[in-house]
Amino acid sequence: MSGKDVLTLLLCSFGYDRNVRINIERIGYDEPCYDVHAENAEGDVYEECNSEGLMFHIYLIIAYMTHYNHYIKCPSEKTRYLDLQELNFESKWWKFAPKHVLDETQRNKLIENEEKRNKRNKRI
């Protein structure tokens, strides 16, 4: 699995599954610079370009998606942890195999089917 695949899965997991574009440019000592664009159903756009590599970009996506405000500090410790109950998050993509999420055609078809189903349910 490539770094691009990892970032795509992470973005889709957080609901940023539309217009996913990830371009990689090699810089410096052949290090990858990721230029990432993705949108969610509500129109929010995640866009970031950095030259710090894959691990840092994974961190940036998670930080953006959790907005830092879903972290709480444990009184007895100096560390902070993600309060998953406060985040109250579940992804529709968790039930699909990565190969379906990574295939843009399949992913768009699944999104289209979900939108049609949601429209039908609203009419009922």
N, C-alpha and C. Protein backbone atom coordinates (compact mmCIF):
# COMPACT_ATOMS: atom_id res chain seq x y z
N MET A 1 0.85 -1.17 0.00
CA MET A 1 0.00 0.00 0.00
C MET A 1 0.90 1.23 0.00
N SER A 2 0.59 2.17 -0.84
CA SER A 2 1.39 3.38 -0.95
C SER A 2 0.98 4.42 0.09
N GLY A 3 1.81 5.42 0.25
CA GLY A 3 1.48 6.53 1.14
C GLY A 3 0.22 7.24 0.68
N LYS A 4 0.06 7.36 -0.61
CA LYS A 4 -1.14 7.97 -1.19
C LYS A 4 -2.39 7.17 -0.79
N ASP A 5 -2.28 5.84 -0.82
CA ASP A 5 -3.40 4.98 -0.41
C ASP A 5 -3.73 5.19 1.06
N VAL A 6 -2.72 5.27 1.89
CA VAL A 6 -2.93 5.47 3.33
C VAL A 6 -3.67 6.79 3.58
N LEU A 7 -3.22 7.86 2.93
CA LEU A 7 -3.87 9.16 3.12
C LEU A 7 -5.30 9.14 2.60
N THR A 8 -5.53 8.47 1.47
CA THR A 8 -6.88 8.37 0.92
C THR A 8 -7.81 7.63 1.88
N LEU A 9 -7.35 6.51 2.43
CA LEU A 9 -8.17 5.76 3.40
C LEU A 9 -8.46 6.60 4.64
N LEU A 10 -7.47 7.32 5.11
CA LEU A 10 -7.66 8.16 6.30
C LEU A 10 -8.67 9.26 6.03
N LEU A 11 -8.54 9.94 4.91
CA LEU A 11 -9.49 11.00 4.56
C LEU A 11 -10.91 10.46 4.41
N CYS A 12 -11.05 9.35 3.70
CA CYS A 12 -12.38 8.75 3.52
C CYS A 12 -12.96 8.31 4.85
N SER A 13 -12.12 7.79 5.72
CA SER A 13 -12.60 7.35 7.03
C SER A 13 -13.22 8.49 7.81
N PHE A 14 -12.70 9.70 7.63
CA PHE A 14 -13.25 10.88 8.29
C PHE A 14 -14.35 11.55 7.47
N GLY A 15 -14.76 10.94 6.36
CA GLY A 15 -15.87 11.48 5.58
C GLY A 15 -15.45 12.42 4.46
N TYR A 16 -14.18 12.62 4.26
CA TYR A 16 -13.69 13.48 3.18
C TYR A 16 -13.41 12.58 1.96
N ASP A 17 -14.50 12.13 1.35
CA ASP A 17 -14.44 11.12 0.31
C ASP A 17 -14.76 11.65 -1.09
N ARG A 18 -14.91 12.95 -1.21
CA ARG A 18 -15.24 13.54 -2.50
C ARG A 18 -14.05 14.35 -3.04
N ASN A 19 -13.88 14.27 -4.34
CA ASN A 19 -12.82 15.02 -5.03
C ASN A 19 -11.45 14.85 -4.35
N VAL A 20 -11.13 13.63 -4.02
CA VAL A 20 -9.85 13.34 -3.37
C VAL A 20 -8.74 13.42 -4.43
N ARG A 21 -7.80 14.33 -4.19
CA ARG A 21 -6.66 14.47 -5.08
C ARG A 21 -5.40 14.53 -4.23
N ILE A 22 -4.50 13.64 -4.50
CA ILE A 22 -3.23 13.61 -3.78
C ILE A 22 -2.11 13.56 -4.81
N ASN A 23 -1.33 14.61 -4.84
CA ASN A 23 -0.18 14.68 -5.74
C ASN A 23 1.09 14.59 -4.90
N ILE A 24 2.05 13.88 -5.44
CA ILE A 24 3.31 13.70 -4.72
C ILE A 24 4.44 14.27 -5.58
N GLU A 25 5.23 15.11 -4.95
CA GLU A 25 6.40 15.66 -5.63
C GLU A 25 7.62 15.30 -4.79
N ARG A 26 8.64 14.82 -5.44
CA ARG A 26 9.87 14.46 -4.74
C ARG A 26 10.74 15.70 -4.59
N ILE A 27 11.22 15.94 -3.37
CA ILE A 27 12.05 17.11 -3.11
C ILE A 27 13.29 16.70 -2.33
N GLY A 28 14.19 17.63 -2.15
CA GLY A 28 15.37 17.40 -1.30
C GLY A 28 16.07 16.10 -1.59
N TYR A 29 16.12 15.25 -0.60
CA TYR A 29 16.75 13.94 -0.71
C TYR A 29 15.76 12.89 -1.18
N ASP A 30 14.97 13.23 -2.19
CA ASP A 30 13.95 12.37 -2.77
C ASP A 30 12.81 12.09 -1.78
N GLU A 31 12.58 13.04 -0.88
CA GLU A 31 11.49 12.91 0.08
C GLU A 31 10.18 13.32 -0.58
N PRO A 32 9.08 12.62 -0.25
CA PRO A 32 7.79 12.98 -0.86
C PRO A 32 7.17 14.21 -0.20
N CYS A 33 6.69 15.10 -1.03
CA CYS A 33 5.90 16.24 -0.58
C CYS A 33 4.47 15.97 -1.04
N TYR A 34 3.55 15.86 -0.10
CA TYR A 34 2.16 15.52 -0.41
C TYR A 34 1.32 16.78 -0.54
N ASP A 35 0.67 16.92 -1.67
CA ASP A 35 -0.28 18.01 -1.91
C ASP A 35 -1.66 17.35 -1.91
N VAL A 36 -2.45 17.61 -0.87
CA VAL A 36 -3.68 16.86 -0.65
C VAL A 36 -4.89 17.78 -0.69
N HIS A 37 -5.92 17.32 -1.38
CA HIS A 37 -7.20 18.02 -1.45
C HIS A 37 -8.30 16.97 -1.31
N ALA A 38 -9.27 17.22 -0.44
CA ALA A 38 -10.43 16.33 -0.30
C ALA A 38 -11.59 17.14 0.26
N GLU A 39 -12.80 16.73 -0.08
CA GLU A 39 -14.00 17.43 0.37
C GLU A 39 -14.96 16.44 1.01
N ASN A 40 -15.79 16.96 1.93
CA ASN A 40 -16.82 16.10 2.52
C ASN A 40 -18.19 16.46 1.93
N ALA A 41 -19.21 15.75 2.34
CA ALA A 41 -20.56 15.95 1.78
C ALA A 41 -21.11 17.33 2.08
N GLU A 42 -20.68 17.95 3.18
CA GLU A 42 -21.17 19.27 3.56
C GLU A 42 -20.41 20.40 2.86
N GLY A 43 -19.40 20.06 2.08
CA GLY A 43 -18.65 21.06 1.34
C GLY A 43 -17.38 21.54 2.01
N ASP A 44 -17.07 21.02 3.21
CA ASP A 44 -15.82 21.42 3.85
C ASP A 44 -14.66 20.84 3.05
N VAL A 45 -13.59 21.60 2.95
CA VAL A 45 -12.44 21.20 2.16
C VAL A 45 -11.22 21.05 3.06
N TYR A 46 -10.57 19.91 2.93
CA TYR A 46 -9.26 19.72 3.57
C TYR A 46 -8.22 19.92 2.49
N GLU A 47 -7.30 20.83 2.72
CA GLU A 47 -6.25 21.09 1.74
C GLU A 47 -4.96 21.38 2.48
N GLU A 48 -3.93 20.67 2.10
CA GLU A 48 -2.65 20.82 2.79
C GLU A 48 -1.53 20.38 1.85
N CYS A 49 -0.47 21.12 1.88
CA CYS A 49 0.74 20.74 1.15
C CYS A 49 1.89 20.85 2.13
N ASN A 50 2.62 19.76 2.31
CA ASN A 50 3.76 19.83 3.22
C ASN A 50 4.90 18.98 2.71
N SER A 51 6.06 19.30 3.19
CA SER A 51 7.25 18.57 2.76
C SER A 51 7.84 17.76 3.90
N GLU A 52 7.03 17.48 4.90
CA GLU A 52 7.52 16.75 6.06
C GLU A 52 7.34 15.23 5.93
N GLY A 53 6.73 14.78 4.87
CA GLY A 53 6.60 13.35 4.65
C GLY A 53 5.27 12.78 5.10
N LEU A 54 5.12 11.48 4.91
CA LEU A 54 3.87 10.77 5.16
C LEU A 54 3.43 10.81 6.61
N MET A 55 4.30 10.49 7.53
CA MET A 55 3.92 10.42 8.94
C MET A 55 3.40 11.76 9.45
N PHE A 56 4.05 12.84 9.05
CA PHE A 56 3.60 14.16 9.48
C PHE A 56 2.25 14.50 8.85
N HIS A 57 2.05 14.09 7.60
CA HIS A 57 0.77 14.39 6.97
C HIS A 57 -0.37 13.59 7.62
N ILE A 58 -0.09 12.38 8.03
CA ILE A 58 -1.10 11.60 8.78
C ILE A 58 -1.48 12.37 10.04
N TYR A 59 -0.48 12.89 10.74
CA TYR A 59 -0.73 13.68 11.95
C TYR A 59 -1.58 14.92 11.62
N LEU A 60 -1.25 15.63 10.53
CA LEU A 60 -2.00 16.83 10.17
C LEU A 60 -3.47 16.52 9.89
N ILE A 61 -3.73 15.43 9.19
CA ILE A 61 -5.12 15.06 8.89
C ILE A 61 -5.88 14.75 10.18
N ILE A 62 -5.28 13.96 11.04
CA ILE A 62 -5.96 13.62 12.30
C ILE A 62 -6.18 14.85 13.15
N ALA A 63 -5.19 15.73 13.22
CA ALA A 63 -5.34 16.97 13.99
C ALA A 63 -6.45 17.84 13.41
N TYR A 64 -6.52 17.96 12.10
CA TYR A 64 -7.57 18.76 11.47
C TYR A 64 -8.94 18.17 11.74
N MET A 65 -9.05 16.87 11.58
CA MET A 65 -10.35 16.22 11.72
C MET A 65 -10.85 16.23 13.16
N THR A 66 -9.97 16.23 14.11
CA THR A 66 -10.39 16.23 15.52
C THR A 66 -10.39 17.62 16.11
N HIS A 67 -9.94 18.60 15.36
CA HIS A 67 -9.99 20.03 15.74
C HIS A 67 -9.34 20.33 17.08
N TYR A 68 -8.51 19.48 17.54
CA TYR A 68 -7.82 19.67 18.82
C TYR A 68 -8.76 19.82 20.01
N ASN A 69 -10.00 20.22 19.81
CA ASN A 69 -10.89 20.47 20.95
C ASN A 69 -11.54 19.20 21.48
N HIS A 70 -11.28 18.09 20.85
CA HIS A 70 -11.83 16.83 21.35
C HIS A 70 -10.82 16.09 22.21
N TYR A 71 -9.76 16.78 22.56
CA TYR A 71 -8.75 16.19 23.43
C TYR A 71 -9.01 16.64 24.86
N ILE A 72 -8.82 15.74 25.79
CA ILE A 72 -8.96 16.10 27.20
C ILE A 72 -7.70 15.68 27.93
N LYS A 73 -7.41 16.40 28.98
CA LYS A 73 -6.21 16.11 29.76
C LYS A 73 -6.61 15.29 30.98
N CYS A 74 -5.92 14.21 31.16
CA CYS A 74 -6.14 13.38 32.33
C CYS A 74 -5.53 14.10 33.53
N PRO A 75 -6.29 14.35 34.60
CA PRO A 75 -5.78 15.12 35.74
C PRO A 75 -4.54 14.52 36.39
N SER A 76 -4.42 13.21 36.36
CA SER A 76 -3.30 12.59 37.05
C SER A 76 -2.07 12.43 36.15
N GLU A 77 -2.19 12.82 34.90
CA GLU A 77 -1.09 12.63 33.97
C GLU A 77 -0.82 13.91 33.20
N LYS A 78 0.33 13.96 32.59
CA LYS A 78 0.68 15.11 31.77
C LYS A 78 0.24 14.91 30.32
N THR A 79 -0.24 13.73 30.01
CA THR A 79 -0.62 13.44 28.63
C THR A 79 -2.07 13.78 28.37
N ARG A 80 -2.36 13.95 27.10
CA ARG A 80 -3.74 14.16 26.66
C ARG A 80 -4.13 13.00 25.77
N TYR A 81 -5.40 12.70 25.75
CA TYR A 81 -5.86 11.62 24.89
C TYR A 81 -7.14 12.05 24.19
N LEU A 82 -7.42 11.41 23.09
CA LEU A 82 -8.59 11.73 22.31
C LEU A 82 -9.83 11.20 23.00
N ASP A 83 -10.77 12.06 23.28
CA ASP A 83 -12.02 11.68 23.92
C ASP A 83 -12.98 11.19 22.83
N LEU A 84 -12.98 9.89 22.60
CA LEU A 84 -13.76 9.33 21.51
C LEU A 84 -15.27 9.48 21.72
N GLN A 85 -15.72 9.48 22.97
CA GLN A 85 -17.15 9.65 23.21
C GLN A 85 -17.59 11.06 22.83
N GLU A 86 -16.75 12.05 23.13
CA GLU A 86 -17.08 13.43 22.77
C GLU A 86 -17.03 13.60 21.26
N LEU A 87 -16.10 12.92 20.63
CA LEU A 87 -15.97 13.02 19.18
C LEU A 87 -17.18 12.41 18.49
N ASN A 88 -17.73 11.33 19.05
CA ASN A 88 -18.95 10.70 18.55
C ASN A 88 -18.89 10.52 17.03
N PHE A 89 -17.93 9.76 16.59
CA PHE A 89 -17.68 9.64 15.17
C PHE A 89 -17.73 8.19 14.72
N GLU A 90 -18.36 7.99 13.57
CA GLU A 90 -18.38 6.67 12.94
C GLU A 90 -18.34 6.91 11.43
N SER A 91 -17.59 6.10 10.73
CA SER A 91 -17.45 6.27 9.29
C SER A 91 -18.16 5.16 8.54
N LYS A 92 -18.88 5.55 7.50
CA LYS A 92 -19.55 4.56 6.66
C LYS A 92 -18.53 3.67 5.95
N TRP A 93 -17.32 4.15 5.81
CA TRP A 93 -16.30 3.41 5.06
C TRP A 93 -15.69 2.27 5.87
N TRP A 94 -15.91 2.23 7.14
CA TRP A 94 -15.32 1.18 7.98
C TRP A 94 -15.80 -0.21 7.56
N LYS A 95 -16.97 -0.29 6.94
CA LYS A 95 -17.51 -1.61 6.59
C LYS A 95 -17.07 -2.08 5.20
N PHE A 96 -16.31 -1.26 4.48
CA PHE A 96 -15.87 -1.63 3.14
C PHE A 96 -14.40 -2.00 3.14
N ALA A 97 -14.04 -2.90 2.25
CA ALA A 97 -12.63 -3.27 2.07
C ALA A 97 -11.88 -2.08 1.48
N PRO A 98 -10.63 -1.89 1.88
CA PRO A 98 -9.85 -0.75 1.35
C PRO A 98 -9.82 -0.68 -0.17
N LYS A 99 -9.83 -1.82 -0.85
CA LYS A 99 -9.77 -1.78 -2.31
C LYS A 99 -10.97 -1.06 -2.91
N HIS A 100 -12.13 -1.13 -2.26
CA HIS A 100 -13.32 -0.44 -2.75
C HIS A 100 -13.25 1.06 -2.46
N VAL A 101 -12.68 1.42 -1.33
CA VAL A 101 -12.55 2.83 -0.96
C VAL A 101 -11.50 3.50 -1.83
N LEU A 102 -10.44 2.79 -2.15
CA LEU A 102 -9.35 3.37 -2.94
C LEU A 102 -9.68 3.50 -4.42
N ASP A 103 -10.61 2.70 -4.91
CA ASP A 103 -11.01 2.78 -6.31
C ASP A 103 -12.00 3.94 -6.45
N GLU A 104 -11.56 5.01 -7.09
CA GLU A 104 -12.39 6.21 -7.18
C GLU A 104 -13.74 5.95 -7.84
N THR A 105 -13.78 5.12 -8.87
CA THR A 105 -15.03 4.80 -9.54
C THR A 105 -15.99 4.08 -8.60
N GLN A 106 -15.49 3.07 -7.90
CA GLN A 106 -16.34 2.34 -6.95
C GLN A 106 -16.79 3.25 -5.80
N ARG A 107 -15.86 4.06 -5.29
CA ARG A 107 -16.20 4.96 -4.18
C ARG A 107 -17.30 5.94 -4.60
N ASN A 108 -17.16 6.52 -5.79
CA ASN A 108 -18.18 7.47 -6.26
C ASN A 108 -19.52 6.79 -6.48
N LYS A 109 -19.50 5.54 -6.94
CA LYS A 109 -20.74 4.79 -7.13
C LYS A 109 -21.42 4.52 -5.78
N LEU A 110 -20.63 4.16 -4.78
CA LEU A 110 -21.18 3.93 -3.44
C LEU A 110 -21.76 5.22 -2.86
N ILE A 111 -21.09 6.35 -3.07
CA ILE A 111 -21.59 7.65 -2.60
C ILE A 111 -22.90 7.98 -3.31
N GLU A 112 -22.93 7.78 -4.62
CA GLU A 112 -24.14 8.05 -5.41
C GLU A 112 -25.31 7.20 -4.92
N ASN A 113 -25.08 5.92 -4.69
CA ASN A 113 -26.14 5.03 -4.21
C ASN A 113 -26.64 5.46 -2.84
N GLU A 114 -25.71 5.88 -1.97
CA GLU A 114 -26.12 6.34 -0.64
C GLU A 114 -26.98 7.60 -0.73
N GLU A 115 -26.57 8.53 -1.59
CA GLU A 115 -27.34 9.77 -1.76
C GLU A 115 -28.74 9.49 -2.30
N LYS A 116 -28.85 8.55 -3.25
CA LYS A 116 -30.16 8.17 -3.79
C LYS A 116 -31.02 7.55 -2.69
N ARG A 117 -30.42 6.68 -1.89
CA ARG A 117 -31.14 6.03 -0.79
C ARG A 117 -31.62 7.07 0.23
N ASN A 118 -30.77 8.04 0.54
CA ASN A 118 -31.15 9.09 1.49
C ASN A 118 -32.30 9.94 0.96
N LYS A 119 -32.29 10.25 -0.33
CA LYS A 119 -33.38 11.03 -0.93
C LYS A 119 -34.68 10.24 -0.89
N ARG A 120 -34.61 8.94 -1.20
CA ARG A 120 -35.82 8.09 -1.13
C ARG A 120 -36.38 8.06 0.30
N ASN A 121 -35.49 7.92 1.28
CA ASN A 121 -35.93 7.84 2.66
C ASN A 121 -36.56 9.15 3.13
N LYS A 122 -36.10 10.28 2.61
CA LYS A 122 -36.67 11.57 3.00
C LYS A 122 -38.08 11.74 2.44
N ARG A 123 -38.34 11.12 1.28
CA ARG A 123 -39.67 11.22 0.67
C ARG A 123 -40.70 10.37 1.39
N ILE A 124 -40.23 9.35 2.09
CA ILE A 124 -41.14 8.42 2.76
C ILE A 124 -41.69 9.01 4.02
